Amino acid sequence: MPRLSIDITPEQHQQLKAIAALSGKTIKEYVLERSLPDLPINSEMSEEEALAQLVAFLKPRIEAAERGEVSNSTFADIKQKARNWSLA
C-alpha cells in the first residue's frame, strides 16, 4: 500500500492528534476524511468516466475564475482560517 508522509512540528502533531480524538477518529481517518473530496471512489470506473467526473467537479470553479470571482486571500490568510475553523 502506498504511504504518504509529511513533515509537521511536534505541536502540529499534538493538535492533529487531539482534534482527531475529539472527533472519535484516528489521525489517519481524520486526515483522509478532511483532505479527500466527498466523491464516490470506484476502482472499476473507466478513464472516461473518471475524466467526466473530474470535469464536472472542476467546471463550476473554472467558470467562477473566468468571471473574475477569485479570492484576494493570501496563503497565510487561508491557513489561519483553516486553523481557526478546525479548532472551533
PDB file of N, CA and C in Angstrom:
ATOM      1  N   MET A   1       0.849  -1.176   0.000  1.00  0.00           N
ATOM      2  CA  MET A   1       0.000   0.000   0.000  1.00  0.00           C
ATOM      3  C   MET A   1       0.894   1.239   0.000  1.00  0.00           C
ATOM      4  N   PRO A   2       0.602   2.224  -0.854  1.00  0.00           N
ATOM      5  CA  PRO A   2       1.396   3.456  -0.873  1.00  0.00           C
ATOM      6  C   PRO A   2       1.263   4.199   0.457  1.00  0.00           C
ATOM      7  N   ARG A   3       2.319   4.912   0.796  1.00  0.00           N
ATOM      8  CA  ARG A   3       2.330   5.689   2.035  1.00  0.00           C
ATOM      9  C   ARG A   3       2.514   7.165   1.695  1.00  0.00           C
ATOM     10  N   LEU A   4       2.008   8.011   2.556  1.00  0.00           N
ATOM     11  CA  LEU A   4       2.152   9.452   2.420  1.00  0.00           C
ATOM     12  C   LEU A   4       2.779   9.961   3.704  1.00  0.00           C
ATOM     13  N   SER A   5       3.806  10.778   3.556  1.00  0.00           N
ATOM     14  CA  SER A   5       4.496  11.305   4.726  1.00  0.00           C
ATOM     15  C   SER A   5       4.621  12.814   4.591  1.00  0.00           C
ATOM     16  N   ILE A   6       4.334  13.531   5.674  1.00  0.00           N
ATOM     17  CA  ILE A   6       4.507  14.983   5.686  1.00  0.00           C
ATOM     18  C   ILE A   6       5.289  15.363   6.935  1.00  0.00           C
ATOM     19  N   ASP A   7       6.028  16.438   6.836  1.00  0.00           N
ATOM     20  CA  ASP A   7       6.778  16.944   7.979  1.00  0.00           C
ATOM     21  C   ASP A   7       5.925  17.977   8.707  1.00  0.00           C
ATOM     22  N   ILE A   8       5.688  17.735   9.985  1.00  0.00           N
ATOM     23  CA  ILE A   8       4.964  18.689  10.818  1.00  0.00           C
ATOM     24  C   ILE A   8       5.709  18.812  12.144  1.00  0.00           C
ATOM     25  N   THR A   9       5.448  19.902  12.820  1.00  0.00           N
ATOM     26  CA  THR A   9       6.097  20.122  14.112  1.00  0.00           C
ATOM     27  C   THR A   9       5.441  19.219  15.164  1.00  0.00           C
ATOM     28  N   PRO A  10       6.142  18.991  16.262  1.00  0.00           N
ATOM     29  CA  PRO A  10       5.522  18.211  17.346  1.00  0.00           C
ATOM     30  C   PRO A  10       4.209  18.844  17.837  1.00  0.00           C
ATOM     31  N   GLU A  11       4.151  20.169  17.850  1.00  0.00           N
ATOM     32  CA  GLU A  11       2.930  20.855  18.277  1.00  0.00           C
ATOM     33  C   GLU A  11       1.790  20.591  17.302  1.00  0.00           C
ATOM     34  N   GLN A  12       2.087  20.651  15.999  1.00  0.00           N
ATOM     35  CA  GLN A  12       1.063  20.366  14.996  1.00  0.00           C
ATOM     36  C   GLN A  12       0.579  18.922  15.125  1.00  0.00           C
ATOM     37  N   HIS A  13       1.504  18.015  15.401  1.00  0.00           N
ATOM     38  CA  HIS A  13       1.130  16.610  15.573  1.00  0.00           C
ATOM     39  C   HIS A  13       0.188  16.449  16.760  1.00  0.00           C
ATOM     40  N   GLN A  14       0.491  17.113  17.861  1.00  0.00           N
ATOM     41  CA  GLN A  14      -0.363  17.024  19.044  1.00  0.00           C
ATOM     42  C   GLN A  14      -1.736  17.635  18.781  1.00  0.00           C
ATOM     43  N   GLN A  15      -1.765  18.762  18.056  1.00  0.00           N
ATOM     44  CA  GLN A  15      -3.047  19.382  17.712  1.00  0.00           C
ATOM     45  C   GLN A  15      -3.875  18.445  16.848  1.00  0.00           C
ATOM     46  N   LEU A  16      -3.247  17.883  15.844  1.00  0.00           N
ATOM     47  CA  LEU A  16      -3.938  16.976  14.937  1.00  0.00           C
ATOM     48  C   LEU A  16      -4.446  15.747  15.689  1.00  0.00           C
ATOM     49  N   LYS A  17      -3.627  15.224  16.560  1.00  0.00           N
ATOM     50  CA  LYS A  17      -3.995  14.058  17.361  1.00  0.00           C
ATOM     51  C   LYS A  17      -5.200  14.380  18.254  1.00  0.00           C
ATOM     52  N   ALA A  18      -5.182  15.556  18.875  1.00  0.00           N
ATOM     53  CA  ALA A  18      -6.279  15.958  19.757  1.00  0.00           C
ATOM     54  C   ALA A  18      -7.571  16.179  18.976  1.00  0.00           C
ATOM     55  N   ILE A  19      -7.471  16.862  17.847  1.00  0.00           N
ATOM     56  CA  ILE A  19      -8.660  17.125  17.034  1.00  0.00           C
ATOM     57  C   ILE A  19      -9.262  15.815  16.544  1.00  0.00           C
ATOM     58  N   ALA A  20      -8.416  14.900  16.101  1.00  0.00           N
ATOM     59  CA  ALA A  20      -8.899  13.597  15.636  1.00  0.00           C
ATOM     60  C   ALA A  20      -9.576  12.847  16.778  1.00  0.00           C
ATOM     61  N   ALA A  21      -8.949  12.855  17.944  1.00  0.00           N
ATOM     62  CA  ALA A  21      -9.517  12.148  19.095  1.00  0.00           C
ATOM     63  C   ALA A  21     -10.873  12.734  19.489  1.00  0.00           C
ATOM     64  N   LEU A  22     -10.983  14.053  19.460  1.00  0.00           N
ATOM     65  CA  LEU A  22     -12.258  14.693  19.790  1.00  0.00           C
ATOM     66  C   LEU A  22     -13.346  14.334  18.790  1.00  0.00           C
ATOM     67  N   SER A  23     -12.929  13.980  17.574  1.00  0.00           N
ATOM     68  CA  SER A  23     -13.872  13.562  16.537  1.00  0.00           C
ATOM     69  C   SER A  23     -14.136  12.064  16.595  1.00  0.00           C
ATOM     70  N   GLY A  24     -13.462  11.371  17.514  1.00  0.00           N
ATOM     71  CA  GLY A  24     -13.631   9.932  17.626  1.00  0.00           C
ATOM     72  C   GLY A  24     -12.966   9.160  16.504  1.00  0.00           C
ATOM     73  N   LYS A  25     -11.898   9.738  15.954  1.00  0.00           N
ATOM     74  CA  LYS A  25     -11.223   9.130  14.815  1.00  0.00           C
ATOM     75  C   LYS A  25      -9.731   9.007  15.088  1.00  0.00           C
ATOM     76  N   THR A  26      -9.088   8.169  14.295  1.00  0.00           N
ATOM     77  CA  THR A  26      -7.635   8.131  14.316  1.00  0.00           C
ATOM     78  C   THR A  26      -7.133   9.307  13.490  1.00  0.00           C
ATOM     79  N   ILE A  27      -5.856   9.619  13.615  1.00  0.00           N
ATOM     80  CA  ILE A  27      -5.286  10.694  12.799  1.00  0.00           C
ATOM     81  C   ILE A  27      -5.480  10.365  11.323  1.00  0.00           C
ATOM     82  N   LYS A  28      -5.209   9.127  10.947  1.00  0.00           N
ATOM     83  CA  LYS A  28      -5.364   8.714   9.545  1.00  0.00           C
ATOM     84  C   LYS A  28      -6.798   8.928   9.067  1.00  0.00           C
ATOM     85  N   GLU A  29      -7.773   8.474   9.838  1.00  0.00           N
ATOM     86  CA  GLU A  29      -9.174   8.634   9.449  1.00  0.00           C
ATOM     87  C   GLU A  29      -9.540  10.108   9.325  1.00  0.00           C
ATOM     88  N   TYR A  30      -9.106  10.907  10.292  1.00  0.00           N
ATOM     89  CA  TYR A  30      -9.429  12.331  10.293  1.00  0.00           C
ATOM     90  C   TYR A  30      -8.824  13.041   9.083  1.00  0.00           C
ATOM     91  N   VAL A  31      -7.545  12.790   8.827  1.00  0.00           N
ATOM     92  CA  VAL A  31      -6.865  13.459   7.713  1.00  0.00           C
ATOM     93  C   VAL A  31      -7.472  13.038   6.381  1.00  0.00           C
ATOM     94  N   LEU A  32      -7.729  11.749   6.197  1.00  0.00           N
ATOM     95  CA  LEU A  32      -8.320  11.296   4.937  1.00  0.00           C
ATOM     96  C   LEU A  32      -9.710  11.881   4.738  1.00  0.00           C
ATOM     97  N   GLU A  33     -10.501  11.910   5.800  1.00  0.00           N
ATOM     98  CA  GLU A  33     -11.851  12.459   5.702  1.00  0.00           C
ATOM     99  C   GLU A  33     -11.830  13.938   5.333  1.00  0.00           C
ATOM    100  N   ARG A  34     -10.887  14.679   5.913  1.00  0.00           N
ATOM    101  CA  ARG A  34     -10.813  16.116   5.678  1.00  0.00           C
ATOM    102  C   ARG A  34     -10.141  16.481   4.363  1.00  0.00           C
ATOM    103  N   SER A  35      -9.231  15.641   3.886  1.00  0.00           N
ATOM    104  CA  SER A  35      -8.441  16.024   2.714  1.00  0.00           C
ATOM    105  C   SER A  35      -8.992  15.522   1.392  1.00  0.00           C
ATOM    106  N   LEU A  36      -9.775  14.470   1.405  1.00  0.00           N
ATOM    107  CA  LEU A  36     -10.312  13.950   0.151  1.00  0.00           C
ATOM    108  C   LEU A  36     -11.733  14.449  -0.045  1.00  0.00           C
ATOM    109  N   PRO A  37     -12.051  14.868  -1.261  1.00  0.00           N
ATOM    110  CA  PRO A  37     -13.408  15.359  -1.513  1.00  0.00           C
ATOM    111  C   PRO A  37     -14.431  14.241  -1.338  1.00  0.00           C
ATOM    112  N   ASP A  38     -15.646  14.642  -1.096  1.00  0.00           N
ATOM    113  CA  ASP A  38     -16.724  13.687  -0.872  1.00  0.00           C
ATOM    114  C   ASP A  38     -17.243  13.165  -2.209  1.00  0.00           C
ATOM    115  N   LEU A  39     -16.365  12.510  -2.940  1.00  0.00           N
ATOM    116  CA  LEU A  39     -16.731  11.936  -4.226  1.00  0.00           C
ATOM    117  C   LEU A  39     -16.686  10.424  -4.118  1.00  0.00           C
ATOM    118  N   PRO A  40     -17.571   9.746  -4.835  1.00  0.00           N
ATOM    119  CA  PRO A  40     -17.510   8.289  -4.807  1.00  0.00           C
ATOM    120  C   PRO A  40     -16.214   7.799  -5.439  1.00  0.00           C
ATOM    121  N   ILE A  41     -15.600   6.827  -4.799  1.00  0.00           N
ATOM    122  CA  ILE A  41     -14.368   6.253  -5.328  1.00  0.00           C
ATOM    123  C   ILE A  41     -14.710   4.871  -5.853  1.00  0.00           C
ATOM    124  N   ASN A  42     -14.492   4.665  -7.130  1.00  0.00           N
ATOM    125  CA  ASN A  42     -14.836   3.398  -7.758  1.00  0.00           C
ATOM    126  C   ASN A  42     -13.652   2.943  -8.581  1.00  0.00           C
ATOM    127  N   SER A  43     -12.972   1.913  -8.114  1.00  0.00           N
ATOM    128  CA  SER A  43     -11.778   1.440  -8.813  1.00  0.00           C
ATOM    129  C   SER A  43     -12.109   0.808 -10.155  1.00  0.00           C
ATOM    130  N   GLU A  44     -13.379   0.496 -10.378  1.00  0.00           N
ATOM    131  CA  GLU A  44     -13.767  -0.095 -11.655  1.00  0.00           C
ATOM    132  C   GLU A  44     -14.241   0.961 -12.648  1.00  0.00           C
ATOM    133  N   MET A  45     -14.106   2.213 -12.297  1.00  0.00           N
ATOM    134  CA  MET A  45     -14.518   3.299 -13.173  1.00  0.00           C
ATOM    135  C   MET A  45     -13.546   3.390 -14.345  1.00  0.00           C
ATOM    136  N   SER A  46     -14.082   3.608 -15.533  1.00  0.00           N
ATOM    137  CA  SER A  46     -13.214   3.746 -16.703  1.00  0.00           C
ATOM    138  C   SER A  46     -12.528   5.106 -16.671  1.00  0.00           C
ATOM    139  N   GLU A  47     -11.487   5.248 -17.474  1.00  0.00           N
ATOM    140  CA  GLU A  47     -10.789   6.536 -17.548  1.00  0.00           C
ATOM    141  C   GLU A  47     -11.729   7.627 -18.022  1.00  0.00           C
ATOM    142  N   GLU A  48     -12.593   7.297 -18.968  1.00  0.00           N
ATOM    143  CA  GLU A  48     -13.541   8.284 -19.494  1.00  0.00           C
ATOM    144  C   GLU A  48     -14.515   8.743 -18.408  1.00  0.00           C
ATOM    145  N   GLU A  49     -14.999   7.792 -17.600  1.00  0.00           N
ATOM    146  CA  GLU A  49     -15.915   8.145 -16.517  1.00  0.00           C
ATOM    147  C   GLU A  49     -15.210   8.994 -15.458  1.00  0.00           C
ATOM    148  N   ALA A  50     -13.974   8.631 -15.154  1.00  0.00           N
ATOM    149  CA  ALA A  50     -13.203   9.403 -14.176  1.00  0.00           C
ATOM    150  C   ALA A  50     -12.961  10.817 -14.681  1.00  0.00           C
ATOM    151  N   LEU A  51     -12.617  10.947 -15.960  1.00  0.00           N
ATOM    152  CA  LEU A  51     -12.393  12.268 -16.541  1.00  0.00           C
ATOM    153  C   LEU A  51     -13.684  13.084 -16.530  1.00  0.00           C
ATOM    154  N   ALA A  52     -14.807  12.451 -16.834  1.00  0.00           N
ATOM    155  CA  ALA A  52     -16.092  13.154 -16.820  1.00  0.00           C
ATOM    156  C   ALA A  52     -16.411  13.663 -15.418  1.00  0.00           C
ATOM    157  N   GLN A  53     -16.125  12.863 -14.391  1.00  0.00           N
ATOM    158  CA  GLN A  53     -16.357  13.310 -13.011  1.00  0.00           C
ATOM    159  C   GLN A  53     -15.444  14.468 -12.644  1.00  0.00           C
ATOM    160  N   LEU A  54     -14.192  14.396 -13.098  1.00  0.00           N
ATOM    161  CA  LEU A  54     -13.251  15.479 -12.818  1.00  0.00           C
ATOM    162  C   LEU A  54     -13.703  16.768 -13.489  1.00  0.00           C
ATOM    163  N   VAL A  55     -14.128  16.678 -14.740  1.00  0.00           N
ATOM    164  CA  VAL A  55     -14.609  17.855 -15.470  1.00  0.00           C
ATOM    165  C   VAL A  55     -15.817  18.454 -14.750  1.00  0.00           C
ATOM    166  N   ALA A  56     -16.755  17.607 -14.334  1.00  0.00           N
ATOM    167  CA  ALA A  56     -17.946  18.094 -13.630  1.00  0.00           C
ATOM    168  C   ALA A  56     -17.572  18.759 -12.301  1.00  0.00           C
ATOM    169  N   PHE A  57     -16.577  18.211 -11.624  1.00  0.00           N
ATOM    170  CA  PHE A  57     -16.126  18.764 -10.344  1.00  0.00           C
ATOM    171  C   PHE A  57     -15.453  20.122 -10.532  1.00  0.00           C
ATOM    172  N   LEU A  58     -14.639  20.248 -11.587  1.00  0.00           N
ATOM    173  CA  LEU A  58     -13.868  21.472 -11.804  1.00  0.00           C
ATOM    174  C   LEU A  58     -14.632  22.562 -12.544  1.00  0.00           C
ATOM    175  N   LYS A  59     -15.643  22.204 -13.325  1.00  0.00           N
ATOM    176  CA  LYS A  59     -16.341  23.167 -14.179  1.00  0.00           C
ATOM    177  C   LYS A  59     -16.829  24.408 -13.426  1.00  0.00           C
ATOM    178  N   PRO A  60     -17.553  24.275 -12.310  1.00  0.00           N
ATOM    179  CA  PRO A  60     -18.017  25.492 -11.624  1.00  0.00           C
ATOM    180  C   PRO A  60     -16.876  26.363 -11.103  1.00  0.00           C
ATOM    181  N   ARG A  61     -15.771  25.741 -10.718  1.00  0.00           N
ATOM    182  CA  ARG A  61     -14.626  26.504 -10.225  1.00  0.00           C
ATOM    183  C   ARG A  61     -13.950  27.266 -11.362  1.00  0.00           C
ATOM    184  N   ILE A  62     -13.825  26.621 -12.502  1.00  0.00           N
ATOM    185  CA  ILE A  62     -13.222  27.269 -13.669  1.00  0.00           C
ATOM    186  C   ILE A  62     -14.096  28.423 -14.129  1.00  0.00           C
ATOM    187  N   GLU A  63     -15.410  28.196 -14.180  1.00  0.00           N
ATOM    188  CA  GLU A  63     -16.328  29.252 -14.606  1.00  0.00           C
ATOM    189  C   GLU A  63     -16.271  30.448 -13.653  1.00  0.00           C
ATOM    190  N   ALA A  64     -16.193  30.190 -12.366  1.00  0.00           N
ATOM    191  CA  ALA A  64     -16.097  31.280 -11.385  1.00  0.00           C
ATOM    192  C   ALA A  64     -14.807  32.063 -11.589  1.00  0.00           C
ATOM    193  N   ALA A  65     -13.714  31.369 -11.834  1.00  0.00           N
ATOM    194  CA  ALA A  65     -12.430  32.043 -12.068  1.00  0.00           C
ATOM    195  C   ALA A  65     -12.484  32.878 -13.338  1.00  0.00           C
ATOM    196  N   GLU A  66     -13.123  32.355 -14.378  1.00  0.00           N
ATOM    197  CA  GLU A  66     -13.236  33.102 -15.636  1.00  0.00           C
ATOM    198  C   GLU A  66     -14.083  34.357 -15.466  1.00  0.00           C
ATOM    199  N   ARG A  67     -15.033  34.334 -14.534  1.00  0.00           N
ATOM    200  CA  ARG A  67     -15.862  35.517 -14.254  1.00  0.00           C
ATOM    201  C   ARG A  67     -15.140  36.498 -13.340  1.00  0.00           C
ATOM    202  N   GLY A  68     -13.943  36.140 -12.921  1.00  0.00           N
ATOM    203  CA  GLY A  68     -13.174  37.014 -12.043  1.00  0.00           C
ATOM    204  C   GLY A  68     -13.483  36.829 -10.577  1.00  0.00           C
ATOM    205  N   GLU A  69     -14.223  35.799 -10.255  1.00  0.00           N
ATOM    206  CA  GLU A  69     -14.569  35.521  -8.863  1.00  0.00           C
ATOM    207  C   GLU A  69     -13.417  34.770  -8.210  1.00  0.00           C
ATOM    208  N   VAL A  70     -12.431  35.527  -7.797  1.00  0.00           N
ATOM    209  CA  VAL A  70     -11.254  34.934  -7.167  1.00  0.00           C
ATOM    210  C   VAL A  70     -11.081  35.530  -5.780  1.00  0.00           C
ATOM    211  N   SER A  71     -10.363  34.829  -4.963  1.00  0.00           N
ATOM    212  CA  SER A  71     -10.116  35.275  -3.599  1.00  0.00           C
ATOM    213  C   SER A  71      -8.866  36.146  -3.557  1.00  0.00           C
ATOM    214  N   ASN A  72      -8.913  37.188  -2.773  1.00  0.00           N
ATOM    215  CA  ASN A  72      -7.741  38.030  -2.562  1.00  0.00           C
ATOM    216  C   ASN A  72      -6.962  37.591  -1.327  1.00  0.00           C
ATOM    217  N   SER A  73      -7.385  36.479  -0.729  1.00  0.00           N
ATOM    218  CA  SER A  73      -6.718  35.970   0.469  1.00  0.00           C
ATOM    219  C   SER A  73      -5.330  35.454   0.131  1.00  0.00           C
ATOM    220  N   THR A  74      -4.414  35.686   1.043  1.00  0.00           N
ATOM    221  CA  THR A  74      -3.073  35.129   0.892  1.00  0.00           C
ATOM    222  C   THR A  74      -3.082  33.701   1.430  1.00  0.00           C
ATOM    223  N   PHE A  75      -2.006  32.972   1.158  1.00  0.00           N
ATOM    224  CA  PHE A  75      -1.890  31.623   1.693  1.00  0.00           C
ATOM    225  C   PHE A  75      -1.951  31.653   3.216  1.00  0.00           C
ATOM    226  N   ALA A  76      -1.293  32.635   3.806  1.00  0.00           N
ATOM    227  CA  ALA A  76      -1.290  32.760   5.268  1.00  0.00           C
ATOM    228  C   ALA A  76      -2.707  32.987   5.799  1.00  0.00           C
ATOM    229  N   ASP A  77      -3.508  33.812   5.094  1.00  0.00           N
ATOM    230  CA  ASP A  77      -4.895  34.049   5.500  1.00  0.00           C
ATOM    231  C   ASP A  77      -5.697  32.750   5.487  1.00  0.00           C
ATOM    232  N   ILE A  78      -5.561  32.002   4.411  1.00  0.00           N
ATOM    233  CA  ILE A  78      -6.296  30.745   4.262  1.00  0.00           C
ATOM    234  C   ILE A  78      -5.867  29.748   5.329  1.00  0.00           C
ATOM    235  N   LYS A  79      -4.570  29.683   5.569  1.00  0.00           N
ATOM    236  CA  LYS A  79      -4.038  28.771   6.584  1.00  0.00           C
ATOM    237  C   LYS A  79      -4.597  29.125   7.965  1.00  0.00           C
ATOM    238  N   GLN A  80      -4.635  30.414   8.287  1.00  0.00           N
ATOM    239  CA  GLN A  80      -5.159  30.846   9.585  1.00  0.00           C
ATOM    240  C   GLN A  80      -6.645  30.531   9.704  1.00  0.00           C
ATOM    241  N   LYS A  81      -7.409  30.771   8.644  1.00  0.00           N
ATOM    242  CA  LYS A  81      -8.839  30.452   8.668  1.00  0.00           C
ATOM    243  C   LYS A  81      -9.054  28.964   8.881  1.00  0.00           C
ATOM    244  N   ALA A  82      -8.242  28.149   8.221  1.00  0.00           N
ATOM    245  CA  ALA A  82      -8.358  26.694   8.368  1.00  0.00           C
ATOM    246  C   ALA A  82      -8.048  26.274   9.794  1.00  0.00           C
ATOM    247  N   ARG A  83      -7.027  26.865  10.376  1.00  0.00           N
ATOM    248  CA  ARG A  83      -6.684  26.543  11.770  1.00  0.00           C
ATOM    249  C   ARG A  83      -7.814  26.939  12.710  1.00  0.00           C
ATOM    250  N   ASN A  84      -8.338  28.145  12.526  1.00  0.00           N
ATOM    251  CA  ASN A  84      -9.421  28.617  13.385  1.00  0.00           C
ATOM    252  C   ASN A  84     -10.651  27.730  13.244  1.00  0.00           C
ATOM    253  N   TRP A  85     -10.960  27.340  12.010  1.00  0.00           N
ATOM    254  CA  TRP A  85     -12.129  26.509  11.755  1.00  0.00           C
ATOM    255  C   TRP A  85     -11.955  25.121  12.362  1.00  0.00           C
ATOM    256  N   SER A  86     -10.757  24.541  12.218  1.00  0.00           N
ATOM    257  CA  SER A  86     -10.547  23.183  12.720  1.00  0.00           C
ATOM    258  C   SER A  86     -10.520  23.134  14.244  1.00  0.00           C
ATOM    259  N   LEU A  87     -10.208  24.242  14.884  1.00  0.00           N
ATOM    260  CA  LEU A  87     -10.169  24.273  16.346  1.00  0.00           C
ATOM    261  C   LEU A  87     -11.509  24.668  16.950  1.00  0.00           C
ATOM    262  N   ALA A  88     -12.431  25.090  16.102  1.00  0.00           N
ATOM    263  CA  ALA A  88     -13.747  25.530  16.594  1.00  0.00           C
ATOM    264  C   ALA A  88     -14.623  24.356  16.971  1.00  0.00           C
TER     265      ALA A  88
END
